[in-house]
Amino acid sequence: MMNLKSNPKNLKEIGIEGKSIIVQRKKDGNRCLIEVDEFGATMFTRKGDKMIQYPHIIDSVSESFLKVFAYINKKYGVTKYVLDGELFTNACSFNKLNGLLKKGNKTPEGLALIKTLKYHCYDVMIDAGYETRMKIINYFKSPSVHIE
């Protein structure tokens, strides 16, 4: 991976010198795609496998989508979205989080950690420019869904 900070000449080498670029901060969490439509939301791994569903996140995404469904559909002509982001919590390490998400730990400690999970949404996967995509994902902001 290129370290642009320590080697600024790389900006020219990779063809972005003088251009506007967008950078998003990555959390140390697990990638998660959420497909949402008027019937609800479903969480998937980055490989497309259905994953354990976390109600506080699913309910928040579904509720937000339904509040603005008519407006978003009319304005952007899309009836289903796939949100791209990651599940993250400050309450434990990445390794512990990874194990928790894969195994669905039902211990009291595991259940308490699950309640601290947040979904950090970075993008919505539609064929539109960055500004339009950011407007759409901002509709999903809630205590369980963070937009960075």
N, C-alpha and C. Protein backbone atom coordinates (compact mmCIF):
# COMPACT_ATOMS: atom_id res chain seq x y z
N MET A 1 0.83 -1.17 0.00
CA MET A 1 0.00 0.00 0.00
C MET A 1 0.89 1.24 0.00
N MET A 2 0.50 2.23 -0.76
CA MET A 2 1.26 3.46 -0.88
C MET A 2 1.04 4.37 0.32
N ASN A 3 2.07 4.94 0.85
CA ASN A 3 1.94 5.90 1.94
C ASN A 3 2.07 7.29 1.34
N LEU A 4 0.93 7.95 1.07
CA LEU A 4 0.95 9.24 0.40
C LEU A 4 1.51 10.34 1.30
N LYS A 5 1.33 10.20 2.61
CA LYS A 5 1.79 11.23 3.53
C LYS A 5 3.31 11.32 3.52
N SER A 6 4.00 10.19 3.52
CA SER A 6 5.45 10.22 3.60
C SER A 6 6.10 10.39 2.23
N ASN A 7 5.34 10.27 1.16
CA ASN A 7 5.91 10.36 -0.17
C ASN A 7 4.97 11.13 -1.10
N PRO A 8 4.87 12.46 -0.93
CA PRO A 8 3.90 13.25 -1.68
C PRO A 8 4.04 13.18 -3.20
N LYS A 9 5.21 12.78 -3.72
CA LYS A 9 5.33 12.69 -5.17
C LYS A 9 4.40 11.62 -5.74
N ASN A 10 3.93 10.71 -4.87
CA ASN A 10 3.02 9.67 -5.32
C ASN A 10 1.69 10.22 -5.82
N LEU A 11 1.28 11.39 -5.32
CA LEU A 11 0.05 11.99 -5.79
C LEU A 11 0.10 12.19 -7.30
N LYS A 12 1.22 12.65 -7.79
CA LYS A 12 1.38 12.86 -9.22
C LYS A 12 1.47 11.52 -9.94
N GLU A 13 2.20 10.58 -9.37
CA GLU A 13 2.37 9.27 -9.99
C GLU A 13 1.05 8.51 -10.15
N ILE A 14 0.14 8.70 -9.20
CA ILE A 14 -1.12 7.98 -9.32
C ILE A 14 -2.21 8.82 -10.00
N GLY A 15 -1.84 10.01 -10.45
CA GLY A 15 -2.73 10.81 -11.28
C GLY A 15 -3.78 11.61 -10.55
N ILE A 16 -3.55 11.92 -9.27
CA ILE A 16 -4.55 12.71 -8.56
C ILE A 16 -4.03 14.06 -8.07
N GLU A 17 -2.82 14.40 -8.43
CA GLU A 17 -2.26 15.68 -8.01
C GLU A 17 -3.14 16.81 -8.54
N GLY A 18 -3.53 17.71 -7.63
CA GLY A 18 -4.35 18.86 -8.01
C GLY A 18 -5.82 18.55 -8.16
N LYS A 19 -6.23 17.31 -7.95
CA LYS A 19 -7.63 16.93 -8.08
C LYS A 19 -8.28 16.85 -6.70
N SER A 20 -9.59 17.02 -6.67
CA SER A 20 -10.33 16.83 -5.43
C SER A 20 -10.52 15.35 -5.19
N ILE A 21 -10.23 14.93 -3.98
CA ILE A 21 -10.44 13.53 -3.62
C ILE A 21 -11.23 13.47 -2.32
N ILE A 22 -11.90 12.37 -2.09
CA ILE A 22 -12.67 12.18 -0.87
C ILE A 22 -12.06 11.02 -0.12
N VAL A 23 -11.84 11.22 1.18
CA VAL A 23 -11.27 10.19 2.02
C VAL A 23 -12.24 9.96 3.18
N GLN A 24 -12.48 8.70 3.48
CA GLN A 24 -13.33 8.36 4.61
C GLN A 24 -12.52 7.57 5.63
N ARG A 25 -12.76 7.86 6.89
CA ARG A 25 -12.08 7.16 7.96
C ARG A 25 -12.66 5.75 8.08
N LYS A 26 -11.81 4.76 8.18
CA LYS A 26 -12.22 3.37 8.34
C LYS A 26 -12.14 3.02 9.81
N LYS A 27 -13.17 2.37 10.30
CA LYS A 27 -13.16 1.85 11.67
C LYS A 27 -12.51 0.48 11.63
N ASP A 28 -12.21 -0.07 12.78
CA ASP A 28 -11.65 -1.42 12.85
C ASP A 28 -12.81 -2.37 13.16
N GLY A 29 -13.73 -2.47 12.19
CA GLY A 29 -14.92 -3.29 12.37
C GLY A 29 -15.05 -4.33 11.28
N ASN A 30 -16.24 -4.89 11.17
CA ASN A 30 -16.52 -5.93 10.17
C ASN A 30 -17.41 -5.37 9.08
N ARG A 31 -16.99 -5.57 7.84
CA ARG A 31 -17.74 -5.10 6.68
C ARG A 31 -19.13 -5.70 6.71
N CYS A 32 -20.12 -4.89 6.36
CA CYS A 32 -21.51 -5.34 6.35
C CYS A 32 -22.28 -4.56 5.30
N LEU A 33 -22.98 -5.28 4.45
CA LEU A 33 -23.87 -4.67 3.48
C LEU A 33 -25.29 -4.85 3.99
N ILE A 34 -26.11 -3.81 3.87
CA ILE A 34 -27.50 -3.91 4.28
C ILE A 34 -28.37 -3.58 3.08
N GLU A 35 -29.16 -4.57 2.68
CA GLU A 35 -30.12 -4.38 1.60
C GLU A 35 -31.42 -3.93 2.23
N VAL A 36 -31.95 -2.80 1.77
CA VAL A 36 -33.17 -2.26 2.36
C VAL A 36 -34.16 -1.88 1.27
N ASP A 37 -35.41 -2.26 1.48
CA ASP A 37 -36.50 -1.86 0.59
C ASP A 37 -37.74 -1.62 1.44
N GLU A 38 -38.88 -1.43 0.80
CA GLU A 38 -40.09 -1.09 1.55
C GLU A 38 -40.57 -2.23 2.45
N PHE A 39 -40.03 -3.42 2.29
CA PHE A 39 -40.45 -4.56 3.10
C PHE A 39 -39.52 -4.83 4.28
N GLY A 40 -38.40 -4.15 4.36
CA GLY A 40 -37.49 -4.34 5.47
C GLY A 40 -36.04 -4.30 5.05
N ALA A 41 -35.18 -4.75 5.95
CA ALA A 41 -33.74 -4.72 5.70
C ALA A 41 -33.12 -6.06 6.07
N THR A 42 -32.06 -6.42 5.36
CA THR A 42 -31.34 -7.67 5.60
C THR A 42 -29.85 -7.38 5.56
N MET A 43 -29.12 -7.96 6.49
CA MET A 43 -27.67 -7.76 6.58
C MET A 43 -26.93 -8.90 5.90
N PHE A 44 -25.86 -8.55 5.16
CA PHE A 44 -25.05 -9.52 4.44
C PHE A 44 -23.57 -9.27 4.69
N THR A 45 -22.77 -10.33 4.54
CA THR A 45 -21.32 -10.18 4.57
C THR A 45 -20.87 -9.57 3.24
N ARG A 46 -19.62 -9.21 3.15
CA ARG A 46 -19.12 -8.65 1.89
C ARG A 46 -19.13 -9.68 0.76
N LYS A 47 -19.18 -10.97 1.12
CA LYS A 47 -19.25 -12.03 0.12
C LYS A 47 -20.69 -12.30 -0.32
N GLY A 48 -21.65 -11.63 0.32
CA GLY A 48 -23.05 -11.80 -0.05
C GLY A 48 -23.80 -12.85 0.76
N ASP A 49 -23.15 -13.40 1.80
CA ASP A 49 -23.83 -14.38 2.65
C ASP A 49 -24.69 -13.65 3.67
N LYS A 50 -25.90 -14.15 3.89
CA LYS A 50 -26.77 -13.56 4.90
C LYS A 50 -26.11 -13.77 6.27
N MET A 51 -26.09 -12.72 7.06
CA MET A 51 -25.45 -12.83 8.37
C MET A 51 -26.48 -12.74 9.48
N ILE A 52 -26.03 -12.90 10.71
CA ILE A 52 -26.90 -12.73 11.86
C ILE A 52 -27.51 -11.33 11.78
N GLN A 53 -28.80 -11.25 12.03
CA GLN A 53 -29.50 -9.97 11.94
C GLN A 53 -29.54 -9.33 13.34
N TYR A 54 -29.16 -8.09 13.43
CA TYR A 54 -29.14 -7.37 14.70
C TYR A 54 -30.32 -6.41 14.70
N PRO A 55 -31.38 -6.74 15.46
CA PRO A 55 -32.64 -6.00 15.39
C PRO A 55 -32.51 -4.49 15.59
N HIS A 56 -31.66 -4.03 16.51
CA HIS A 56 -31.57 -2.59 16.73
C HIS A 56 -31.04 -1.86 15.50
N ILE A 57 -30.25 -2.53 14.69
CA ILE A 57 -29.73 -1.91 13.46
C ILE A 57 -30.75 -2.07 12.33
N ILE A 58 -31.26 -3.28 12.15
CA ILE A 58 -32.25 -3.55 11.10
C ILE A 58 -33.47 -2.65 11.27
N ASP A 59 -33.98 -2.56 12.50
CA ASP A 59 -35.18 -1.75 12.74
C ASP A 59 -34.93 -0.28 12.44
N SER A 60 -33.76 0.21 12.83
CA SER A 60 -33.42 1.61 12.59
C SER A 60 -33.32 1.91 11.10
N VAL A 61 -32.64 1.04 10.35
CA VAL A 61 -32.48 1.24 8.91
C VAL A 61 -33.85 1.16 8.23
N SER A 62 -34.65 0.17 8.59
CA SER A 62 -35.98 0.00 7.97
C SER A 62 -36.88 1.20 8.26
N GLU A 63 -36.88 1.64 9.51
CA GLU A 63 -37.71 2.78 9.89
C GLU A 63 -37.30 4.04 9.14
N SER A 64 -36.00 4.29 9.05
CA SER A 64 -35.51 5.47 8.32
C SER A 64 -35.90 5.41 6.86
N PHE A 65 -35.75 4.23 6.26
CA PHE A 65 -36.07 4.07 4.85
C PHE A 65 -37.55 4.34 4.60
N LEU A 66 -38.41 3.78 5.43
CA LEU A 66 -39.85 3.94 5.24
C LEU A 66 -40.30 5.39 5.40
N LYS A 67 -39.64 6.14 6.27
CA LYS A 67 -39.99 7.54 6.49
C LYS A 67 -39.80 8.37 5.22
N VAL A 68 -38.82 8.00 4.42
CA VAL A 68 -38.50 8.81 3.24
C VAL A 68 -38.66 8.04 1.93
N PHE A 69 -39.26 6.85 2.00
CA PHE A 69 -39.34 5.99 0.82
C PHE A 69 -39.97 6.70 -0.39
N ALA A 70 -41.14 7.32 -0.20
CA ALA A 70 -41.83 7.96 -1.32
C ALA A 70 -40.97 9.06 -1.93
N TYR A 71 -40.37 9.87 -1.05
CA TYR A 71 -39.53 10.97 -1.54
C TYR A 71 -38.31 10.44 -2.30
N ILE A 72 -37.60 9.49 -1.70
CA ILE A 72 -36.39 8.95 -2.35
C ILE A 72 -36.75 8.26 -3.66
N ASN A 73 -37.82 7.50 -3.66
CA ASN A 73 -38.23 6.80 -4.87
C ASN A 73 -38.56 7.80 -5.99
N LYS A 74 -39.32 8.83 -5.66
CA LYS A 74 -39.69 9.84 -6.67
C LYS A 74 -38.46 10.61 -7.16
N LYS A 75 -37.61 11.02 -6.23
CA LYS A 75 -36.46 11.86 -6.59
C LYS A 75 -35.37 11.08 -7.31
N TYR A 76 -35.08 9.84 -6.84
CA TYR A 76 -33.96 9.10 -7.38
C TYR A 76 -34.38 7.87 -8.18
N GLY A 77 -35.65 7.51 -8.14
CA GLY A 77 -36.15 6.40 -8.94
C GLY A 77 -35.65 5.03 -8.53
N VAL A 78 -35.28 4.88 -7.27
CA VAL A 78 -34.77 3.60 -6.80
C VAL A 78 -35.67 3.10 -5.68
N THR A 79 -36.02 1.82 -5.71
CA THR A 79 -36.91 1.26 -4.70
C THR A 79 -36.18 0.36 -3.71
N LYS A 80 -34.92 0.11 -3.95
CA LYS A 80 -34.13 -0.74 -3.07
C LYS A 80 -32.71 -0.18 -3.03
N TYR A 81 -32.11 -0.20 -1.84
CA TYR A 81 -30.74 0.26 -1.68
C TYR A 81 -29.90 -0.81 -1.04
N VAL A 82 -28.62 -0.78 -1.33
CA VAL A 82 -27.66 -1.59 -0.60
C VAL A 82 -26.69 -0.59 0.05
N LEU A 83 -26.74 -0.57 1.37
CA LEU A 83 -25.84 0.30 2.13
C LEU A 83 -24.53 -0.45 2.36
N ASP A 84 -23.42 0.26 2.25
CA ASP A 84 -22.10 -0.33 2.42
C ASP A 84 -21.45 0.31 3.64
N GLY A 85 -21.09 -0.52 4.60
CA GLY A 85 -20.48 0.01 5.80
C GLY A 85 -19.86 -1.10 6.64
N GLU A 86 -19.78 -0.86 7.93
CA GLU A 86 -19.21 -1.88 8.80
C GLU A 86 -19.85 -1.82 10.17
N LEU A 87 -19.86 -2.97 10.83
CA LEU A 87 -20.32 -3.07 12.20
C LEU A 87 -19.13 -2.81 13.11
N PHE A 88 -19.35 -1.98 14.12
CA PHE A 88 -18.24 -1.55 14.96
C PHE A 88 -18.74 -1.27 16.37
N THR A 89 -17.88 -1.49 17.33
CA THR A 89 -18.12 -1.07 18.70
C THR A 89 -16.78 -0.72 19.35
N ASN A 90 -16.82 0.25 20.24
CA ASN A 90 -15.63 0.60 21.02
C ASN A 90 -15.49 -0.30 22.25
N ALA A 91 -16.47 -1.17 22.46
CA ALA A 91 -16.54 -1.96 23.69
C ALA A 91 -15.63 -3.19 23.71
N CYS A 92 -15.03 -3.53 22.56
CA CYS A 92 -14.15 -4.71 22.55
C CYS A 92 -13.16 -4.61 21.39
N SER A 93 -12.21 -5.53 21.37
CA SER A 93 -11.20 -5.56 20.30
C SER A 93 -11.80 -6.08 19.00
N PHE A 94 -11.08 -5.86 17.91
CA PHE A 94 -11.51 -6.37 16.61
C PHE A 94 -11.66 -7.88 16.63
N ASN A 95 -10.70 -8.59 17.23
CA ASN A 95 -10.76 -10.05 17.26
C ASN A 95 -11.99 -10.54 18.02
N LYS A 96 -12.27 -9.92 19.13
CA LYS A 96 -13.45 -10.31 19.91
C LYS A 96 -14.73 -10.00 19.13
N LEU A 97 -14.78 -8.85 18.49
CA LEU A 97 -15.92 -8.48 17.67
C LEU A 97 -16.12 -9.48 16.54
N ASN A 98 -15.03 -9.83 15.88
CA ASN A 98 -15.09 -10.78 14.77
C ASN A 98 -15.67 -12.12 15.23
N GLY A 99 -15.19 -12.61 16.36
CA GLY A 99 -15.71 -13.87 16.89
C GLY A 99 -17.18 -13.77 17.27
N LEU A 100 -17.55 -12.66 17.87
CA LEU A 100 -18.93 -12.44 18.27
C LEU A 100 -19.86 -12.44 17.06
N LEU A 101 -19.45 -11.76 15.99
CA LEU A 101 -20.30 -11.65 14.80
C LEU A 101 -20.42 -12.98 14.07
N LYS A 102 -19.37 -13.77 14.08
CA LYS A 102 -19.41 -15.05 13.36
C LYS A 102 -20.17 -16.13 14.13
N LYS A 103 -20.07 -16.09 15.46
CA LYS A 103 -20.66 -17.17 16.26
C LYS A 103 -22.01 -16.80 16.87
N GLY A 104 -22.34 -15.52 16.91
CA GLY A 104 -23.59 -15.12 17.54
C GLY A 104 -23.62 -15.44 19.02
N ASN A 105 -22.57 -15.12 19.72
CA ASN A 105 -22.40 -15.42 21.14
C ASN A 105 -23.65 -15.06 21.96
N LYS A 106 -24.21 -16.03 22.67
CA LYS A 106 -25.43 -15.82 23.44
C LYS A 106 -25.16 -15.68 24.94
N THR A 107 -23.90 -15.55 25.33
CA THR A 107 -23.58 -15.37 26.75
C THR A 107 -24.04 -13.97 27.17
N PRO A 108 -24.21 -13.72 28.46
CA PRO A 108 -24.59 -12.37 28.91
C PRO A 108 -23.61 -11.29 28.41
N GLU A 109 -22.31 -11.62 28.43
CA GLU A 109 -21.31 -10.66 27.93
C GLU A 109 -21.49 -10.42 26.43
N GLY A 110 -21.70 -11.49 25.68
CA GLY A 110 -21.89 -11.36 24.23
C GLY A 110 -23.14 -10.56 23.90
N LEU A 111 -24.22 -10.82 24.60
CA LEU A 111 -25.47 -10.09 24.36
C LEU A 111 -25.31 -8.60 24.71
N ALA A 112 -24.56 -8.32 25.76
CA ALA A 112 -24.31 -6.92 26.12
C ALA A 112 -23.47 -6.22 25.05
N LEU A 113 -22.48 -6.92 24.50
CA LEU A 113 -21.65 -6.33 23.43
C LEU A 113 -22.46 -6.08 22.17
N ILE A 114 -23.36 -7.01 21.84
CA ILE A 114 -24.19 -6.85 20.64
C ILE A 114 -25.00 -5.56 20.72
N LYS A 115 -25.47 -5.22 21.91
CA LYS A 115 -26.26 -3.99 22.08
C LYS A 115 -25.43 -2.74 21.82
N THR A 116 -24.11 -2.84 21.90
CA THR A 116 -23.25 -1.68 21.67
C THR A 116 -22.87 -1.53 20.20
N LEU A 117 -23.23 -2.52 19.36
CA LEU A 117 -22.89 -2.46 17.94
C LEU A 117 -23.54 -1.26 17.27
N LYS A 118 -22.80 -0.62 16.42
CA LYS A 118 -23.29 0.46 15.57
C LYS A 118 -22.97 0.08 14.12
N TYR A 119 -23.74 0.61 13.21
CA TYR A 119 -23.46 0.42 11.78
C TYR A 119 -22.91 1.74 11.26
N HIS A 120 -21.69 1.71 10.78
CA HIS A 120 -21.06 2.90 10.20
C HIS A 120 -21.21 2.81 8.69
N CYS A 121 -22.10 3.63 8.17
CA CYS A 121 -22.42 3.58 6.74
C CYS A 121 -21.51 4.53 5.98
N TYR A 122 -20.86 3.99 4.95
CA TYR A 122 -19.94 4.78 4.14
C TYR A 122 -20.50 5.16 2.78
N ASP A 123 -21.40 4.34 2.26
CA ASP A 123 -21.88 4.59 0.89
C ASP A 123 -23.17 3.82 0.64
N VAL A 124 -23.86 4.22 -0.41
CA VAL A 124 -25.02 3.48 -0.89
C VAL A 124 -24.68 3.07 -2.32
N MET A 125 -24.92 1.82 -2.64
CA MET A 125 -24.47 1.28 -3.91
C MET A 125 -25.53 1.48 -5.00
N ILE A 126 -25.52 2.69 -5.57
CA ILE A 126 -26.37 3.00 -6.71
C ILE A 126 -25.53 3.76 -7.74
N ASP A 127 -26.02 3.81 -8.94
CA ASP A 127 -25.32 4.49 -10.02
C ASP A 127 -25.66 5.98 -9.97
N ALA A 128 -24.95 6.70 -9.10
CA ALA A 128 -25.17 8.13 -8.93
C ALA A 128 -23.87 8.75 -8.43
N GLY A 129 -23.77 10.05 -8.57
CA GLY A 129 -22.58 10.75 -8.10
C GLY A 129 -22.46 10.74 -6.59
N TYR A 130 -21.29 11.11 -6.12
CA TYR A 130 -21.00 11.08 -4.69
C TYR A 130 -21.98 11.94 -3.88
N GLU A 131 -22.25 13.16 -4.32
CA GLU A 131 -23.13 14.05 -3.56
C GLU A 131 -24.53 13.46 -3.42
N THR A 132 -25.06 12.87 -4.47
CA THR A 132 -26.38 12.24 -4.42
C THR A 132 -26.37 11.07 -3.45
N ARG A 133 -25.32 10.24 -3.51
CA ARG A 133 -25.24 9.09 -2.61
C ARG A 133 -25.15 9.54 -1.15
N MET A 134 -24.40 10.61 -0.88
CA MET A 134 -24.30 11.10 0.49
C MET A 134 -25.63 11.66 0.98
N LYS A 135 -26.38 12.32 0.12
CA LYS A 135 -27.71 12.81 0.52
C LYS A 135 -28.59 11.63 0.91
N ILE A 136 -28.54 10.57 0.13
CA ILE A 136 -29.37 9.40 0.43
C ILE A 136 -28.97 8.76 1.74
N ILE A 137 -27.69 8.52 1.95
CA ILE A 137 -27.32 7.81 3.20
C ILE A 137 -27.56 8.68 4.43
N ASN A 138 -27.58 9.98 4.29
CA ASN A 138 -27.87 10.81 5.45
C ASN A 138 -29.29 10.63 5.96
N TYR A 139 -30.19 10.12 5.13
CA TYR A 139 -31.54 9.80 5.58
C TYR A 139 -31.53 8.67 6.60
N PHE A 140 -30.48 7.87 6.63
CA PHE A 140 -30.42 6.70 7.50
C PHE A 140 -29.76 6.98 8.85
N LYS A 141 -29.33 8.20 9.09
CA LYS A 141 -28.65 8.56 10.34
C LYS A 141 -29.58 8.30 11.52
N SER A 142 -29.06 7.66 12.56
CA SER A 142 -29.83 7.38 13.77
C SER A 142 -28.85 7.01 14.87
N PRO A 143 -29.35 6.73 16.09
CA PRO A 143 -28.43 6.31 17.15
C PRO A 143 -27.67 5.01 16.81
N SER A 144 -28.27 4.16 15.98
CA SER A 144 -27.61 2.89 15.63
C SER A 144 -26.86 2.96 14.31
N VAL A 145 -27.11 3.99 13.51
CA VAL A 145 -26.47 4.11 12.20
C VAL A 145 -25.72 5.44 12.14
N HIS A 146 -24.42 5.35 11.99
CA HIS A 146 -23.57 6.53 11.91
C HIS A 146 -23.13 6.74 10.47
N ILE A 147 -23.07 7.99 10.09
CA ILE A 147 -22.60 8.37 8.76
C ILE A 147 -21.29 9.09 8.95
N GLU A 148 -20.25 8.63 8.25
CA GLU A 148 -18.93 9.25 8.38
C GLU A 148 -18.55 9.90 7.08
